[in-house]
Amino acid sequence: MIAGRLHWRDARAKIPGRLGLAAFDFSPGTLILTEAGTRKGASLYLVRGQDALCKHDPGGVEVLDSNLATFLQARTRHHHTLKRALTDPRLLSGIGNAYSDEILHWVRLSPVRLTQNLVDAEVESLYEAVRKSLLEWTDRLRNQVAKGFPEKLTAFREGMAVHGRYGKPCPDCKAPVQRIVYAANETNYCSNCQSGGRLLAGRVQSRLLKQDWPRTLEELEETRASRGERSPAPLRRSRRHR
């Protein structure tokens, strides 16, 4: 899901030596599966019949094919943060790390807000934001590829509001985009637009820094200034909403 890629090549094309994992030959050409990076997580399964295939389905709701009631039921199935709920394929299908950041920025919700704490109006806004964001990016990517094959797959896209833009200005309020780092991924968000000006800390940062973790952008700027560090992006006060 992170480093795996599919490539369309001429018929009977050879599998690349270092990154290649498999080739699927068709009469018009060959589909080649590769995986870059040092962490190898790719796997292939051969199954027979619809029932066997369904065993590999984690069960997440397809938001574009669901209504608000179904979305609400999926949202309340587990007590998670919004970030985790949006990226859990057992709850919602096909969103992932990058677009969950964009969705939460779109709807102005904190990634660490708990699903059970949303009021009905916020759930409805989140449902609409998921649909609009996925449809918008699907159209963008289809227009970019046109009739070709999507070779250049990446989680970081030109035009994204916060994902992959740590330290860069939020397109709406110009405050620097922040991040929560966990494992191999990170959550990007705007503290002004999404968390009421409060900086969010992941579990690791909270345990290590405890009371020393800056709570606001102003405290963060003061901490960097005391250390002689340069801010990754200018801090501005302007606020503009979609």
C-alpha atoms as a PDB file:
ATOM      1  CA  MET A   1       0.000   0.000   0.000  1.00  0.00           C
ATOM      2  CA  ILE A   2       2.943   2.339   0.559  1.00  0.00           C
ATOM      3  CA  ALA A   3       5.745   1.170  -1.718  1.00  0.00           C
ATOM      4  CA  GLY A   4       3.879  -1.240  -4.009  1.00  0.00           C
ATOM      5  CA  ARG A   5       3.324  -0.224  -7.639  1.00  0.00           C
ATOM      6  CA  LEU A   6       1.698  -1.641 -10.759  1.00  0.00           C
ATOM      7  CA  HIS A   7       3.318  -0.957 -14.148  1.00  0.00           C
ATOM      8  CA  TRP A   8       1.875  -1.601 -17.593  1.00  0.00           C
ATOM      9  CA  ARG A   9       4.506  -2.844 -20.064  1.00  0.00           C
ATOM     10  CA  ASP A  10       4.720  -4.453 -23.472  1.00  0.00           C
ATOM     11  CA  ALA A  11       3.638  -8.080 -23.729  1.00  0.00           C
ATOM     12  CA  ARG A  12       5.996 -10.628 -22.152  1.00  0.00           C
ATOM     13  CA  ALA A  13       8.031  -7.911 -20.422  1.00  0.00           C
ATOM     14  CA  LYS A  14      10.638  -9.159 -17.958  1.00  0.00           C
ATOM     15  CA  ILE A  15      10.279  -8.733 -14.210  1.00  0.00           C
ATOM     16  CA  PRO A  16      12.763  -6.111 -12.889  1.00  0.00           C
ATOM     17  CA  GLY A  17      15.519  -7.796 -10.926  1.00  0.00           C
ATOM     18  CA  ARG A  18      15.689  -5.721  -7.732  1.00  0.00           C
ATOM     19  CA  LEU A  19      12.136  -4.455  -7.221  1.00  0.00           C
ATOM     20  CA  GLY A  20      10.043  -6.835  -9.304  1.00  0.00           C
ATOM     21  CA  LEU A  21       7.770  -9.320  -7.561  1.00  0.00           C
ATOM     22  CA  ALA A  22       5.418 -10.704 -10.197  1.00  0.00           C
ATOM     23  CA  ALA A  23       4.218 -10.308 -13.784  1.00  0.00           C
ATOM     24  CA  PHE A  24       0.729 -10.928 -15.135  1.00  0.00           C
ATOM     25  CA  ASP A  25       0.673 -11.527 -18.884  1.00  0.00           C
ATOM     26  CA  PHE A  26      -2.284 -10.459 -21.031  1.00  0.00           C
ATOM     27  CA  SER A  27      -2.547 -10.392 -24.808  1.00  0.00           C
ATOM     28  CA  PRO A  28      -2.174  -6.539 -25.080  1.00  0.00           C
ATOM     29  CA  GLY A  29       0.631  -6.296 -22.508  1.00  0.00           C
ATOM     30  CA  THR A  30       2.045  -7.248 -19.112  1.00  0.00           C
ATOM     31  CA  LEU A  31       1.142  -5.926 -15.669  1.00  0.00           C
ATOM     32  CA  ILE A  32       4.187  -5.912 -13.383  1.00  0.00           C
ATOM     33  CA  LEU A  33       4.065  -5.669  -9.591  1.00  0.00           C
ATOM     34  CA  THR A  34       7.029  -4.018  -7.843  1.00  0.00           C
ATOM     35  CA  GLU A  35       7.796  -2.972  -4.287  1.00  0.00           C
ATOM     36  CA  ALA A  36      10.413  -0.379  -3.357  1.00  0.00           C
ATOM     37  CA  GLY A  37      11.893   0.327   0.075  1.00  0.00           C
ATOM     38  CA  THR A  38      13.485  -1.909   2.676  1.00  0.00           C
ATOM     39  CA  ARG A  39      10.297  -2.918   4.490  1.00  0.00           C
ATOM     40  CA  LYS A  40       8.792  -5.660   2.362  1.00  0.00           C
ATOM     41  CA  GLY A  41       5.114  -6.221   3.017  1.00  0.00           C
ATOM     42  CA  ALA A  42       3.679  -7.379  -0.302  1.00  0.00           C
ATOM     43  CA  SER A  43       1.757 -10.641  -0.543  1.00  0.00           C
ATOM     44  CA  LEU A  44      -0.257 -12.438  -3.205  1.00  0.00           C
ATOM     45  CA  TYR A  45      -3.233 -14.734  -2.681  1.00  0.00           C
ATOM     46  CA  LEU A  46      -4.842 -17.103  -5.156  1.00  0.00           C
ATOM     47  CA  VAL A  47      -8.478 -17.853  -4.314  1.00  0.00           C
ATOM     48  CA  ARG A  48     -11.359 -19.597  -6.023  1.00  0.00           C
ATOM     49  CA  GLY A  49     -14.885 -18.226  -5.955  1.00  0.00           C
ATOM     50  CA  GLN A  50     -16.667 -15.246  -4.451  1.00  0.00           C
ATOM     51  CA  ASP A  51     -16.882 -16.736  -0.955  1.00  0.00           C
ATOM     52  CA  ALA A  52     -13.117 -17.251  -0.766  1.00  0.00           C
ATOM     53  CA  LEU A  53     -12.547 -13.719  -2.046  1.00  0.00           C
ATOM     54  CA  CYS A  54     -14.867 -12.224   0.577  1.00  0.00           C
ATOM     55  CA  LYS A  55     -12.681 -13.665   3.327  1.00  0.00           C
ATOM     56  CA  HIS A  56     -10.057 -11.060   2.387  1.00  0.00           C
ATOM     57  CA  ASP A  57     -12.491  -8.172   2.705  1.00  0.00           C
ATOM     58  CA  PRO A  58     -11.858  -6.322   6.016  1.00  0.00           C
ATOM     59  CA  GLY A  59     -15.496  -5.191   5.969  1.00  0.00           C
ATOM     60  CA  GLY A  60     -15.183  -1.406   5.788  1.00  0.00           C
ATOM     61  CA  VAL A  61     -18.064   0.666   4.431  1.00  0.00           C
ATOM     62  CA  GLU A  62     -17.667   2.044   0.900  1.00  0.00           C
ATOM     63  CA  VAL A  63     -18.584   5.642   1.667  1.00  0.00           C
ATOM     64  CA  LEU A  64     -19.370   6.569  -1.936  1.00  0.00           C
ATOM     65  CA  ASP A  65     -21.903   3.731  -2.057  1.00  0.00           C
ATOM     66  CA  SER A  66     -23.409   4.332   1.384  1.00  0.00           C
ATOM     67  CA  ASN A  67     -25.902   6.710   2.959  1.00  0.00           C
ATOM     68  CA  LEU A  68     -25.560   8.800   6.098  1.00  0.00           C
ATOM     69  CA  ALA A  69     -27.188   6.158   8.311  1.00  0.00           C
ATOM     70  CA  THR A  70     -24.668   3.506   7.230  1.00  0.00           C
ATOM     71  CA  PHE A  71     -21.799   5.937   7.750  1.00  0.00           C
ATOM     72  CA  LEU A  72     -23.099   6.776  11.222  1.00  0.00           C
ATOM     73  CA  GLN A  73     -23.278   3.105  12.132  1.00  0.00           C
ATOM     74  CA  ALA A  74     -19.686   2.521  10.992  1.00  0.00           C
ATOM     75  CA  ARG A  75     -18.509   5.590  12.899  1.00  0.00           C
ATOM     76  CA  THR A  76     -19.981   4.376  16.187  1.00  0.00           C
ATOM     77  CA  ARG A  77     -18.803   0.769  15.833  1.00  0.00           C
ATOM     78  CA  HIS A  78     -15.595   1.507  17.760  1.00  0.00           C
ATOM     79  CA  HIS A  79     -14.430   4.269  20.098  1.00  0.00           C
ATOM     80  CA  HIS A  80     -11.563   5.760  18.078  1.00  0.00           C
ATOM     81  CA  THR A  81     -10.038   9.084  17.217  1.00  0.00           C
ATOM     82  CA  LEU A  82     -11.286  10.480  13.906  1.00  0.00           C
ATOM     83  CA  LYS A  83      -7.902   9.865  12.281  1.00  0.00           C
ATOM     84  CA  ARG A  84      -7.904   6.218  13.254  1.00  0.00           C
ATOM     85  CA  ALA A  85     -11.555   5.731  12.313  1.00  0.00           C
ATOM     86  CA  LEU A  86     -11.036   7.185   8.823  1.00  0.00           C
ATOM     87  CA  THR A  87      -7.979   5.015   8.162  1.00  0.00           C
ATOM     88  CA  ASP A  88      -9.285   1.742   9.617  1.00  0.00           C
ATOM     89  CA  PRO A  89     -10.331  -0.500   6.662  1.00  0.00           C
ATOM     90  CA  ARG A  90     -12.576  -2.466   9.013  1.00  0.00           C
ATOM     91  CA  LEU A  91     -14.711   0.665   9.440  1.00  0.00           C
ATOM     92  CA  LEU A  92     -14.310   2.676   6.230  1.00  0.00           C
ATOM     93  CA  SER A  93     -12.862   1.483   2.958  1.00  0.00           C
ATOM     94  CA  GLY A  94     -10.500   3.298   0.625  1.00  0.00           C
ATOM     95  CA  ILE A  95      -9.575   6.477   2.517  1.00  0.00           C
ATOM     96  CA  GLY A  96      -6.099   5.959   3.960  1.00  0.00           C
ATOM     97  CA  ASN A  97      -3.566   8.261   5.597  1.00  0.00           C
ATOM     98  CA  ALA A  98      -3.246  11.032   3.009  1.00  0.00           C
ATOM     99  CA  TYR A  99      -6.896  11.668   2.264  1.00  0.00           C
ATOM    100  CA  SER A 100      -7.927  11.405   5.913  1.00  0.00           C
ATOM    101  CA  ASP A 101      -5.731  14.451   6.587  1.00  0.00           C
ATOM    102  CA  GLU A 102      -7.370  16.329   3.734  1.00  0.00           C
ATOM    103  CA  ILE A 103     -10.882  15.347   4.817  1.00  0.00           C
ATOM    104  CA  LEU A 104     -10.370  16.461   8.417  1.00  0.00           C
ATOM    105  CA  HIS A 105      -8.909  19.780   7.296  1.00  0.00           C
ATOM    106  CA  TRP A 106     -11.807  20.245   4.899  1.00  0.00           C
ATOM    107  CA  VAL A 107     -14.385  19.760   7.669  1.00  0.00           C
ATOM    108  CA  ARG A 108     -12.325  21.610  10.329  1.00  0.00           C
ATOM    109  CA  LEU A 109     -12.118  18.724  12.806  1.00  0.00           C
ATOM    110  CA  SER A 110      -9.187  17.708  14.979  1.00  0.00           C
ATOM    111  CA  PRO A 111      -7.609  14.332  14.093  1.00  0.00           C
ATOM    112  CA  VAL A 112      -7.594  13.358  17.785  1.00  0.00           C
ATOM    113  CA  ARG A 113     -11.269  14.153  18.334  1.00  0.00           C
ATOM    114  CA  LEU A 114     -13.094  11.008  19.475  1.00  0.00           C
ATOM    115  CA  THR A 115     -15.775   9.595  17.210  1.00  0.00           C
ATOM    116  CA  GLN A 116     -18.241   9.201  20.064  1.00  0.00           C
ATOM    117  CA  ASN A 117     -17.975  12.915  20.916  1.00  0.00           C
ATOM    118  CA  LEU A 118     -19.306  14.243  17.607  1.00  0.00           C
ATOM    119  CA  VAL A 119     -22.754  15.766  17.480  1.00  0.00           C
ATOM    120  CA  ASP A 120     -25.136  14.858  14.651  1.00  0.00           C
ATOM    121  CA  ALA A 121     -24.356  17.984  12.625  1.00  0.00           C
ATOM    122  CA  GLU A 122     -20.628  17.231  12.760  1.00  0.00           C
ATOM    123  CA  VAL A 123     -21.177  13.627  11.664  1.00  0.00           C
ATOM    124  CA  GLU A 124     -23.203  14.814   8.683  1.00  0.00           C
ATOM    125  CA  SER A 125     -20.527  17.376   7.775  1.00  0.00           C
ATOM    126  CA  LEU A 126     -17.838  14.687   8.042  1.00  0.00           C
ATOM    127  CA  TYR A 127     -19.848  12.343   5.813  1.00  0.00           C
ATOM    128  CA  GLU A 128     -20.226  15.059   3.156  1.00  0.00           C
ATOM    129  CA  ALA A 129     -16.539  15.988   3.437  1.00  0.00           C
ATOM    130  CA  VAL A 130     -15.468  12.362   2.890  1.00  0.00           C
ATOM    131  CA  ARG A 131     -17.605  12.047  -0.215  1.00  0.00           C
ATOM    132  CA  LYS A 132     -16.677  15.430  -1.692  1.00  0.00           C
ATOM    133  CA  SER A 133     -12.951  14.970  -1.032  1.00  0.00           C
ATOM    134  CA  LEU A 134     -12.797  11.452  -2.521  1.00  0.00           C
ATOM    135  CA  LEU A 135     -14.832  12.465  -5.579  1.00  0.00           C
ATOM    136  CA  GLU A 136     -12.757  15.600  -6.136  1.00  0.00           C
ATOM    137  CA  TRP A 137      -9.435  13.760  -5.956  1.00  0.00           C
ATOM    138  CA  THR A 138     -10.725  10.890  -8.075  1.00  0.00           C
ATOM    139  CA  ASP A 139     -11.640  13.392 -10.808  1.00  0.00           C
ATOM    140  CA  ARG A 140      -8.281  15.154 -10.483  1.00  0.00           C
ATOM    141  CA  LEU A 141      -6.286  11.943 -10.801  1.00  0.00           C
ATOM    142  CA  ARG A 142      -8.388  10.660 -13.709  1.00  0.00           C
ATOM    143  CA  ASN A 143      -7.845  13.936 -15.560  1.00  0.00           C
ATOM    144  CA  GLN A 144      -4.099  13.758 -14.921  1.00  0.00           C
ATOM    145  CA  VAL A 145      -3.800  10.213 -16.232  1.00  0.00           C
ATOM    146  CA  ALA A 146      -6.338  10.683 -19.059  1.00  0.00           C
ATOM    147  CA  LYS A 147      -6.126   7.513 -21.197  1.00  0.00           C
ATOM    148  CA  GLY A 148      -2.724   6.480 -19.887  1.00  0.00           C
ATOM    149  CA  PHE A 149      -1.742   4.181 -17.036  1.00  0.00           C
ATOM    150  CA  PRO A 150      -1.232   5.680 -13.524  1.00  0.00           C
ATOM    151  CA  GLU A 151       2.502   5.095 -13.139  1.00  0.00           C
ATOM    152  CA  LYS A 152       3.393   7.989 -10.819  1.00  0.00           C
ATOM    153  CA  LEU A 153       1.551   6.984  -7.676  1.00  0.00           C
ATOM    154  CA  THR A 154       2.303   9.004  -4.551  1.00  0.00           C
ATOM    155  CA  ALA A 155       0.572  10.023  -1.334  1.00  0.00           C
ATOM    156  CA  PHE A 156       1.806  13.593  -1.741  1.00  0.00           C
ATOM    157  CA  ARG A 157      -0.119  15.562  -4.334  1.00  0.00           C
ATOM    158  CA  GLU A 158       0.168  19.104  -5.601  1.00  0.00           C
ATOM    159  CA  GLY A 159      -2.865  20.971  -4.336  1.00  0.00           C
ATOM    160  CA  MET A 160      -3.220  19.112  -1.036  1.00  0.00           C
ATOM    161  CA  ALA A 161      -4.024  21.391   1.879  1.00  0.00           C
ATOM    162  CA  VAL A 162      -2.084  19.752   4.721  1.00  0.00           C
ATOM    163  CA  HIS A 163      -0.894  16.222   3.959  1.00  0.00           C
ATOM    164  CA  GLY A 164       2.865  16.142   3.376  1.00  0.00           C
ATOM    165  CA  ARG A 165       3.052  19.908   3.977  1.00  0.00           C
ATOM    166  CA  TYR A 166       4.574  20.045   7.466  1.00  0.00           C
ATOM    167  CA  GLY A 167       5.892  23.536   8.163  1.00  0.00           C
ATOM    168  CA  LYS A 168       4.320  25.019   5.056  1.00  0.00           C
ATOM    169  CA  PRO A 169       1.493  27.559   5.307  1.00  0.00           C
ATOM    170  CA  CYS A 170      -2.086  26.364   5.567  1.00  0.00           C
ATOM    171  CA  PRO A 171      -3.857  27.495   2.367  1.00  0.00           C
ATOM    172  CA  ASP A 172      -6.706  28.981   4.418  1.00  0.00           C
ATOM    173  CA  CYS A 173      -5.153  30.722   7.439  1.00  0.00           C
ATOM    174  CA  LYS A 174      -1.420  30.699   6.514  1.00  0.00           C
ATOM    175  CA  ALA A 175      -0.345  29.215   9.872  1.00  0.00           C
ATOM    176  CA  PRO A 176       2.341  26.506   9.552  1.00  0.00           C
ATOM    177  CA  VAL A 177       0.996  22.994   9.092  1.00  0.00           C
ATOM    178  CA  GLN A 178       1.760  20.754  12.079  1.00  0.00           C
ATOM    179  CA  ARG A 179       2.245  17.007  12.438  1.00  0.00           C
ATOM    180  CA  ILE A 180       1.836  14.088  14.810  1.00  0.00           C
ATOM    181  CA  VAL A 181       4.437  11.388  14.136  1.00  0.00           C
ATOM    182  CA  TYR A 182       3.635   7.765  14.808  1.00  0.00           C
ATOM    183  CA  ALA A 183       5.393   4.616  13.527  1.00  0.00           C
ATOM    184  CA  ALA A 184       6.146   5.065   9.819  1.00  0.00           C
ATOM    185  CA  ASN A 185       3.343   7.579   9.220  1.00  0.00           C
ATOM    186  CA  GLU A 186       2.423  11.047  10.336  1.00  0.00           C
ATOM    187  CA  THR A 187      -0.755  13.058  10.666  1.00  0.00           C
ATOM    188  CA  ASN A 188      -0.725  16.572   9.232  1.00  0.00           C
ATOM    189  CA  TYR A 189      -3.176  19.234  10.400  1.00  0.00           C
ATOM    190  CA  CYS A 190      -3.618  22.969  10.899  1.00  0.00           C
ATOM    191  CA  SER A 191      -3.806  23.928  14.561  1.00  0.00           C
ATOM    192  CA  ASN A 192      -5.655  27.168  13.782  1.00  0.00           C
ATOM    193  CA  CYS A 193      -8.314  25.612  11.555  1.00  0.00           C
ATOM    194  CA  GLN A 194      -8.749  22.264  13.294  1.00  0.00           C
ATOM    195  CA  SER A 195      -7.787  22.352  16.968  1.00  0.00           C
ATOM    196  CA  GLY A 196      -8.569  25.855  18.148  1.00  0.00           C
ATOM    197  CA  GLY A 197      -4.926  26.938  18.120  1.00  0.00           C
ATOM    198  CA  ARG A 198      -3.793  24.004  20.280  1.00  0.00           C
ATOM    199  CA  LEU A 199      -0.810  21.898  19.227  1.00  0.00           C
ATOM    200  CA  LEU A 200      -1.455  18.171  19.323  1.00  0.00           C
ATOM    201  CA  ALA A 201       1.071  15.664  20.601  1.00  0.00           C
ATOM    202  CA  GLY A 202       1.178  11.972  19.839  1.00  0.00           C
ATOM    203  CA  ARG A 203       1.669   9.407  22.563  1.00  0.00           C
ATOM    204  CA  VAL A 204       5.452   9.310  22.107  1.00  0.00           C
ATOM    205  CA  GLN A 205       5.843  13.098  22.277  1.00  0.00           C
ATOM    206  CA  SER A 206       3.508  13.333  25.268  1.00  0.00           C
ATOM    207  CA  ARG A 207       5.422  10.678  27.207  1.00  0.00           C
ATOM    208  CA  LEU A 208       8.837  12.154  26.434  1.00  0.00           C
ATOM    209  CA  LEU A 209       8.132  15.857  26.852  1.00  0.00           C
ATOM    210  CA  LYS A 210       5.193  15.806  29.277  1.00  0.00           C
ATOM    211  CA  GLN A 211       4.697  19.380  30.495  1.00  0.00           C
ATOM    212  CA  ASP A 212       7.409  20.713  28.175  1.00  0.00           C
ATOM    213  CA  TRP A 213       5.306  20.085  25.069  1.00  0.00           C
ATOM    214  CA  PRO A 214       4.269  23.495  23.634  1.00  0.00           C
ATOM    215  CA  ARG A 215       0.514  23.947  23.728  1.00  0.00           C
ATOM    216  CA  THR A 216       0.128  26.704  21.131  1.00  0.00           C
ATOM    217  CA  LEU A 217       1.870  28.065  18.044  1.00  0.00           C
ATOM    218  CA  GLU A 218       3.090  31.006  20.111  1.00  0.00           C
ATOM    219  CA  GLU A 219       4.737  28.668  22.651  1.00  0.00           C
ATOM    220  CA  LEU A 220       6.270  26.693  19.791  1.00  0.00           C
ATOM    221  CA  GLU A 221       7.733  29.868  18.285  1.00  0.00           C
ATOM    222  CA  GLU A 222       9.133  30.895  21.670  1.00  0.00           C
ATOM    223  CA  THR A 223      10.702  27.450  22.156  1.00  0.00           C
ATOM    224  CA  ARG A 224      12.339  27.571  18.745  1.00  0.00           C
ATOM    225  CA  ALA A 225      13.560  31.104  19.325  1.00  0.00           C
ATOM    226  CA  SER A 226      15.158  30.121  22.648  1.00  0.00           C
ATOM    227  CA  ARG A 227      16.998  27.300  20.883  1.00  0.00           C
ATOM    228  CA  GLY A 228      18.032  29.471  17.975  1.00  0.00           C
ATOM    229  CA  GLU A 229      15.970  27.376  15.577  1.00  0.00           C
ATOM    230  CA  ARG A 230      14.331  28.788  12.497  1.00  0.00           C
ATOM    231  CA  SER A 231      10.599  28.367  12.072  1.00  0.00           C
ATOM    232  CA  PRO A 232       9.707  26.168   9.078  1.00  0.00           C
ATOM    233  CA  ALA A 233       7.068  28.670   7.957  1.00  0.00           C
ATOM    234  CA  PRO A 234       5.967  32.182   8.901  1.00  0.00           C
ATOM    235  CA  LEU A 235       3.292  32.444  11.565  1.00  0.00           C
ATOM    236  CA  ARG A 236       0.398  34.633  10.524  1.00  0.00           C
ATOM    237  CA  ARG A 237      -2.850  35.527  12.181  1.00  0.00           C
ATOM    238  CA  SER A 238      -5.149  35.757   9.185  1.00  0.00           C
ATOM    239  CA  ARG A 239      -8.036  33.304   9.054  1.00  0.00           C
ATOM    240  CA  ARG A 240     -10.051  32.400   5.966  1.00  0.00           C
ATOM    241  CA  HIS A 241     -12.556  29.586   5.498  1.00  0.00           C
ATOM    242  CA  ARG A 242     -13.763  27.771   2.438  1.00  0.00           C
END
